[in-house]
Amino acid sequence: MADPISVLGIAGSLRQGSYNKATLRAAVELAPPGMTIETFDLAPIQPYNEDVKQRGFPPPEQELRERIRTADALLIVTPEYNRGVPGVLKNAIDWASRPPDQPFDGKPAAILGASPGMIGTAVAQYELRRYLGVLNAVVMNTPSVMISHASEKFDAQGRLTDQPTREVISRALQALADWTRWAAQARR
């Protein structure tokens, strides 16, 4: 029996009806045995301001840092806005990554995304991979989960109904479990 894996899931959208929030809910449901995914809502995170940070991390921002630190791995589900990462997600990464002791260092991570468009968040995922690489997170490369034409894959209640998409998310979560165990072994 392998050790349990705790994953912090973050959706890079604030919209309640977001396909990316729905994708994160599906990931929670599809987590393999031994993996738990807890989510963090980015809504309380304020715009990054070094003057505020100099007085200390505000409670929501400190909670985000601690939850990243204590999770075994990260699962980030990002929309794509104007061929890039949404500002709310980039802002949260900026807050969490400030010294001292930024919590992304060596943290296994996987990226998923859903979009009503054809490219399924490919550019945003590439950009996010670059940000996380700078912070020395250990980002899993495959399988890629870029859900295109998302409006056809979720029902009116936001439940992922497309079986091939559910299967690729399941494979990605199992790969994240394996990736996380590999990264833990490599650090020993």
C-alpha atoms as a PDB file:
ATOM      1  CA  MET A   1       0.000   0.000   0.000  1.00  0.00           C
ATOM      2  CA  ALA A   2       1.476   3.319  -1.097  1.00  0.00           C
ATOM      3  CA  ASP A   3       1.384   6.361   1.129  1.00  0.00           C
ATOM      4  CA  PRO A   4      -1.666   8.587   0.616  1.00  0.00           C
ATOM      5  CA  ILE A   5      -1.167  11.666  -1.542  1.00  0.00           C
ATOM      6  CA  SER A   6      -2.695  15.016  -0.690  1.00  0.00           C
ATOM      7  CA  VAL A   7      -3.243  17.343  -3.632  1.00  0.00           C
ATOM      8  CA  LEU A   8      -4.179  21.003  -3.522  1.00  0.00           C
ATOM      9  CA  GLY A   9      -6.488  21.837  -6.431  1.00  0.00           C
ATOM     10  CA  ILE A  10      -6.781  25.394  -7.700  1.00  0.00           C
ATOM     11  CA  ALA A  11      -9.060  26.621 -10.477  1.00  0.00           C
ATOM     12  CA  GLY A  12      -7.831  29.803 -12.145  1.00  0.00           C
ATOM     13  CA  SER A  13     -11.319  31.227 -12.597  1.00  0.00           C
ATOM     14  CA  LEU A  14     -13.599  33.118 -10.239  1.00  0.00           C
ATOM     15  CA  ARG A  15     -16.804  32.489 -12.208  1.00  0.00           C
ATOM     16  CA  GLN A  16     -19.146  30.053 -10.456  1.00  0.00           C
ATOM     17  CA  GLY A  17     -20.189  28.443 -13.751  1.00  0.00           C
ATOM     18  CA  SER A  18     -16.609  28.089 -14.955  1.00  0.00           C
ATOM     19  CA  TYR A  19     -15.725  24.999 -16.979  1.00  0.00           C
ATOM     20  CA  ASN A  20     -12.425  24.969 -15.114  1.00  0.00           C
ATOM     21  CA  LYS A  21     -14.121  24.856 -11.722  1.00  0.00           C
ATOM     22  CA  ALA A  22     -16.279  22.062 -13.123  1.00  0.00           C
ATOM     23  CA  THR A  23     -13.130  20.280 -14.320  1.00  0.00           C
ATOM     24  CA  LEU A  24     -11.634  20.570 -10.834  1.00  0.00           C
ATOM     25  CA  ARG A  25     -14.839  19.130  -9.329  1.00  0.00           C
ATOM     26  CA  ALA A  26     -14.590  16.240 -11.796  1.00  0.00           C
ATOM     27  CA  ALA A  27     -10.948  15.681 -10.786  1.00  0.00           C
ATOM     28  CA  VAL A  28     -11.955  15.498  -7.109  1.00  0.00           C
ATOM     29  CA  GLU A  29     -14.535  12.878  -8.069  1.00  0.00           C
ATOM     30  CA  LEU A  30     -12.104  10.922 -10.279  1.00  0.00           C
ATOM     31  CA  ALA A  31      -9.113  10.907  -7.901  1.00  0.00           C
ATOM     32  CA  PRO A  32      -7.527   7.456  -7.739  1.00  0.00           C
ATOM     33  CA  PRO A  33      -7.522   5.455  -4.500  1.00  0.00           C
ATOM     34  CA  GLY A  34      -5.048   6.920  -2.041  1.00  0.00           C
ATOM     35  CA  MET A  35      -5.294  10.457  -3.429  1.00  0.00           C
ATOM     36  CA  THR A  36      -7.310  13.260  -1.876  1.00  0.00           C
ATOM     37  CA  ILE A  37      -7.825  16.576  -3.630  1.00  0.00           C
ATOM     38  CA  GLU A  38      -8.739  19.579  -1.522  1.00  0.00           C
ATOM     39  CA  THR A  39      -9.534  22.824  -3.294  1.00  0.00           C
ATOM     40  CA  PHE A  40      -8.654  26.447  -2.669  1.00  0.00           C
ATOM     41  CA  ASP A  41     -10.870  29.299  -3.893  1.00  0.00           C
ATOM     42  CA  LEU A  42      -8.861  32.249  -5.230  1.00  0.00           C
ATOM     43  CA  ALA A  43     -11.696  34.769  -4.677  1.00  0.00           C
ATOM     44  CA  PRO A  44     -10.317  36.170  -1.368  1.00  0.00           C
ATOM     45  CA  ILE A  45      -6.818  36.776  -2.779  1.00  0.00           C
ATOM     46  CA  GLN A  46      -6.256  40.507  -3.216  1.00  0.00           C
ATOM     47  CA  PRO A  47      -4.135  42.094  -5.949  1.00  0.00           C
ATOM     48  CA  TYR A  48      -0.452  41.685  -5.147  1.00  0.00           C
ATOM     49  CA  ASN A  49       1.009  44.772  -3.472  1.00  0.00           C
ATOM     50  CA  GLU A  50       4.532  44.745  -2.063  1.00  0.00           C
ATOM     51  CA  ASP A  51       3.557  47.468   0.447  1.00  0.00           C
ATOM     52  CA  VAL A  52       0.890  45.157   1.896  1.00  0.00           C
ATOM     53  CA  LYS A  53       3.290  42.198   1.873  1.00  0.00           C
ATOM     54  CA  GLN A  54       5.898  44.241   3.792  1.00  0.00           C
ATOM     55  CA  ARG A  55       3.413  44.374   6.698  1.00  0.00           C
ATOM     56  CA  GLY A  56       3.031  40.593   6.501  1.00  0.00           C
ATOM     57  CA  PHE A  57       1.022  38.193   4.401  1.00  0.00           C
ATOM     58  CA  PRO A  58      -2.734  38.796   4.772  1.00  0.00           C
ATOM     59  CA  PRO A  59      -4.627  35.731   6.090  1.00  0.00           C
ATOM     60  CA  PRO A  60      -5.979  34.411   2.729  1.00  0.00           C
ATOM     61  CA  GLU A  61      -2.581  34.772   1.069  1.00  0.00           C
ATOM     62  CA  GLN A  62      -0.823  33.114   4.017  1.00  0.00           C
ATOM     63  CA  GLU A  63      -3.369  30.284   3.953  1.00  0.00           C
ATOM     64  CA  LEU A  64      -2.671  29.723   0.248  1.00  0.00           C
ATOM     65  CA  ARG A  65       1.081  29.555   0.933  1.00  0.00           C
ATOM     66  CA  GLU A  66       0.590  27.081   3.775  1.00  0.00           C
ATOM     67  CA  ARG A  67      -1.773  24.887   1.814  1.00  0.00           C
ATOM     68  CA  ILE A  68       0.702  24.734  -1.077  1.00  0.00           C
ATOM     69  CA  ARG A  69       3.505  23.955   1.372  1.00  0.00           C
ATOM     70  CA  THR A  70       1.651  21.117   3.113  1.00  0.00           C
ATOM     71  CA  ALA A  71       0.190  19.482  -0.002  1.00  0.00           C
ATOM     72  CA  ASP A  72       2.141  16.670  -1.579  1.00  0.00           C
ATOM     73  CA  ALA A  73       1.284  17.977  -5.053  1.00  0.00           C
ATOM     74  CA  LEU A  74      -0.604  20.700  -6.926  1.00  0.00           C
ATOM     75  CA  LEU A  75      -3.347  20.409  -9.518  1.00  0.00           C
ATOM     76  CA  ILE A  76      -3.936  23.683 -11.322  1.00  0.00           C
ATOM     77  CA  VAL A  77      -6.881  23.962 -13.709  1.00  0.00           C
ATOM     78  CA  THR A  78      -6.594  27.067 -15.834  1.00  0.00           C
ATOM     79  CA  PRO A  79      -8.776  28.828 -18.353  1.00  0.00           C
ATOM     80  CA  GLU A  80      -7.137  30.772 -21.152  1.00  0.00           C
ATOM     81  CA  TYR A  81      -7.813  34.490 -21.407  1.00  0.00           C
ATOM     82  CA  ASN A  82      -6.394  36.346 -24.411  1.00  0.00           C
ATOM     83  CA  ARG A  83      -3.961  33.485 -25.074  1.00  0.00           C
ATOM     84  CA  GLY A  84      -2.586  33.567 -21.549  1.00  0.00           C
ATOM     85  CA  VAL A  85      -3.020  32.739 -17.875  1.00  0.00           C
ATOM     86  CA  PRO A  86      -5.873  34.592 -16.152  1.00  0.00           C
ATOM     87  CA  GLY A  87      -4.742  37.501 -14.002  1.00  0.00           C
ATOM     88  CA  VAL A  88      -6.349  36.030 -10.878  1.00  0.00           C
ATOM     89  CA  LEU A  89      -4.210  32.884 -11.146  1.00  0.00           C
ATOM     90  CA  LYS A  90      -0.999  34.759 -11.932  1.00  0.00           C
ATOM     91  CA  ASN A  91      -1.726  37.091  -9.014  1.00  0.00           C
ATOM     92  CA  ALA A  92      -2.168  34.149  -6.624  1.00  0.00           C
ATOM     93  CA  ILE A  93       1.116  32.641  -7.805  1.00  0.00           C
ATOM     94  CA  ASP A  94       2.811  36.010  -7.263  1.00  0.00           C
ATOM     95  CA  TRP A  95       1.529  36.157  -3.671  1.00  0.00           C
ATOM     96  CA  ALA A  96       2.421  32.558  -2.873  1.00  0.00           C
ATOM     97  CA  SER A  97       5.889  32.768  -4.390  1.00  0.00           C
ATOM     98  CA  ARG A  98       7.192  35.736  -2.390  1.00  0.00           C
ATOM     99  CA  PRO A  99      10.107  35.116  -0.030  1.00  0.00           C
ATOM    100  CA  PRO A 100      10.788  33.821   2.445  1.00  0.00           C
ATOM    101  CA  ASP A 101      10.462  30.115   1.761  1.00  0.00           C
ATOM    102  CA  GLN A 102       8.335  30.107  -1.374  1.00  0.00           C
ATOM    103  CA  PRO A 103       6.363  26.843  -1.293  1.00  0.00           C
ATOM    104  CA  PHE A 104       6.582  25.841  -4.979  1.00  0.00           C
ATOM    105  CA  ASP A 105      10.209  24.686  -4.736  1.00  0.00           C
ATOM    106  CA  GLY A 106      10.324  20.979  -5.623  1.00  0.00           C
ATOM    107  CA  LYS A 107       6.512  20.668  -5.546  1.00  0.00           C
ATOM    108  CA  PRO A 108       5.074  18.160  -8.050  1.00  0.00           C
ATOM    109  CA  ALA A 109       2.353  19.746 -10.169  1.00  0.00           C
ATOM    110  CA  ALA A 110      -0.076  18.938 -12.969  1.00  0.00           C
ATOM    111  CA  ILE A 111      -1.947  21.369 -15.197  1.00  0.00           C
ATOM    112  CA  LEU A 112      -5.377  20.874 -16.759  1.00  0.00           C
ATOM    113  CA  GLY A 113      -7.642  23.301 -18.564  1.00  0.00           C
ATOM    114  CA  ALA A 114     -11.006  23.633 -20.281  1.00  0.00           C
ATOM    115  CA  SER A 115     -12.153  26.087 -22.896  1.00  0.00           C
ATOM    116  CA  PRO A 116     -15.130  26.552 -25.203  1.00  0.00           C
ATOM    117  CA  GLY A 117     -12.579  27.172 -27.975  1.00  0.00           C
ATOM    118  CA  MET A 118     -10.610  24.804 -30.183  1.00  0.00           C
ATOM    119  CA  ILE A 119      -7.168  24.865 -28.544  1.00  0.00           C
ATOM    120  CA  GLY A 120      -8.327  23.934 -25.050  1.00  0.00           C
ATOM    121  CA  THR A 121      -6.008  26.245 -23.032  1.00  0.00           C
ATOM    122  CA  ALA A 122      -2.771  25.115 -24.716  1.00  0.00           C
ATOM    123  CA  VAL A 123      -1.172  28.569 -24.639  1.00  0.00           C
ATOM    124  CA  ALA A 124      -2.182  29.281 -21.028  1.00  0.00           C
ATOM    125  CA  GLN A 125      -0.840  25.892 -19.957  1.00  0.00           C
ATOM    126  CA  TYR A 126       2.471  26.591 -21.693  1.00  0.00           C
ATOM    127  CA  GLU A 127       2.708  29.963 -19.960  1.00  0.00           C
ATOM    128  CA  LEU A 128       1.780  28.480 -16.565  1.00  0.00           C
ATOM    129  CA  ARG A 129       4.373  25.731 -17.028  1.00  0.00           C
ATOM    130  CA  ARG A 130       6.979  28.480 -17.564  1.00  0.00           C
ATOM    131  CA  TYR A 131       5.945  30.332 -14.372  1.00  0.00           C
ATOM    132  CA  LEU A 132       6.042  27.168 -12.297  1.00  0.00           C
ATOM    133  CA  GLY A 133       9.401  26.179 -13.796  1.00  0.00           C
ATOM    134  CA  VAL A 134      10.926  29.475 -12.670  1.00  0.00           C
ATOM    135  CA  LEU A 135       9.718  28.635  -9.146  1.00  0.00           C
ATOM    136  CA  ASN A 136      11.303  25.152  -9.396  1.00  0.00           C
ATOM    137  CA  ALA A 137       8.028  23.261  -9.251  1.00  0.00           C
ATOM    138  CA  VAL A 138       8.284  19.803 -10.819  1.00  0.00           C
ATOM    139  CA  VAL A 139       5.597  20.011 -13.498  1.00  0.00           C
ATOM    140  CA  MET A 140       4.327  16.772 -15.012  1.00  0.00           C
ATOM    141  CA  ASN A 141       4.504  16.794 -18.814  1.00  0.00           C
ATOM    142  CA  THR A 142       2.030  14.105 -19.825  1.00  0.00           C
ATOM    143  CA  PRO A 143      -0.721  13.272 -20.240  1.00  0.00           C
ATOM    144  CA  SER A 144      -1.870  16.696 -21.344  1.00  0.00           C
ATOM    145  CA  VAL A 145      -5.457  17.587 -20.504  1.00  0.00           C
ATOM    146  CA  MET A 146      -6.639  20.422 -22.723  1.00  0.00           C
ATOM    147  CA  ILE A 147     -10.409  20.190 -22.921  1.00  0.00           C
ATOM    148  CA  SER A 148     -11.644  21.914 -26.074  1.00  0.00           C
ATOM    149  CA  HIS A 149     -15.287  22.590 -26.940  1.00  0.00           C
ATOM    150  CA  ALA A 150     -16.075  22.358 -23.222  1.00  0.00           C
ATOM    151  CA  SER A 151     -19.703  23.399 -23.697  1.00  0.00           C
ATOM    152  CA  GLU A 152     -20.285  20.033 -25.371  1.00  0.00           C
ATOM    153  CA  LYS A 153     -18.663  18.039 -22.538  1.00  0.00           C
ATOM    154  CA  PHE A 154     -20.435  19.357 -19.442  1.00  0.00           C
ATOM    155  CA  ASP A 155     -24.147  19.280 -18.658  1.00  0.00           C
ATOM    156  CA  ALA A 156     -26.220  22.247 -17.450  1.00  0.00           C
ATOM    157  CA  GLN A 157     -25.290  21.470 -13.811  1.00  0.00           C
ATOM    158  CA  GLY A 158     -21.554  21.575 -14.614  1.00  0.00           C
ATOM    159  CA  ARG A 159     -21.022  17.808 -14.470  1.00  0.00           C
ATOM    160  CA  LEU A 160     -18.453  16.396 -16.870  1.00  0.00           C
ATOM    161  CA  THR A 161     -20.428  13.950 -19.010  1.00  0.00           C
ATOM    162  CA  ASP A 162     -17.937  13.238 -21.792  1.00  0.00           C
ATOM    163  CA  GLN A 163     -16.518   9.767 -21.099  1.00  0.00           C
ATOM    164  CA  PRO A 164     -13.249  10.148 -23.081  1.00  0.00           C
ATOM    165  CA  THR A 165     -12.505  13.366 -21.177  1.00  0.00           C
ATOM    166  CA  ARG A 166     -13.268  11.677 -17.854  1.00  0.00           C
ATOM    167  CA  GLU A 167     -10.852   8.892 -18.828  1.00  0.00           C
ATOM    168  CA  VAL A 168      -8.008  11.264 -19.743  1.00  0.00           C
ATOM    169  CA  ILE A 169      -8.471  13.133 -16.441  1.00  0.00           C
ATOM    170  CA  SER A 170      -8.363   9.805 -14.590  1.00  0.00           C
ATOM    171  CA  ARG A 171      -5.136   8.880 -16.395  1.00  0.00           C
ATOM    172  CA  ALA A 172      -3.650  12.297 -15.603  1.00  0.00           C
ATOM    173  CA  LEU A 173      -4.496  11.949 -11.917  1.00  0.00           C
ATOM    174  CA  GLN A 174      -2.927   8.495 -11.759  1.00  0.00           C
ATOM    175  CA  ALA A 175       0.136   9.929 -13.520  1.00  0.00           C
ATOM    176  CA  LEU A 176       0.218  12.746 -10.940  1.00  0.00           C
ATOM    177  CA  ALA A 177       0.150  10.159  -8.142  1.00  0.00           C
ATOM    178  CA  ASP A 178       3.051   8.288  -9.772  1.00  0.00           C
ATOM    179  CA  TRP A 179       4.888  11.578 -10.463  1.00  0.00           C
ATOM    180  CA  THR A 180       4.480  12.674  -6.847  1.00  0.00           C
ATOM    181  CA  ARG A 181       5.830   9.361  -5.533  1.00  0.00           C
ATOM    182  CA  TRP A 182       8.744   9.568  -7.974  1.00  0.00           C
ATOM    183  CA  ALA A 183       9.547  13.138  -6.883  1.00  0.00           C
ATOM    184  CA  ALA A 184       9.427  12.143  -3.192  1.00  0.00           C
ATOM    185  CA  GLN A 185      11.806   9.244  -3.872  1.00  0.00           C
ATOM    186  CA  ALA A 186      14.154  11.503  -5.866  1.00  0.00           C
ATOM    187  CA  ARG A 187      14.379  13.976  -2.932  1.00  0.00           C
ATOM    188  CA  ARG A 188      15.547  11.255  -0.516  1.00  0.00           C
END
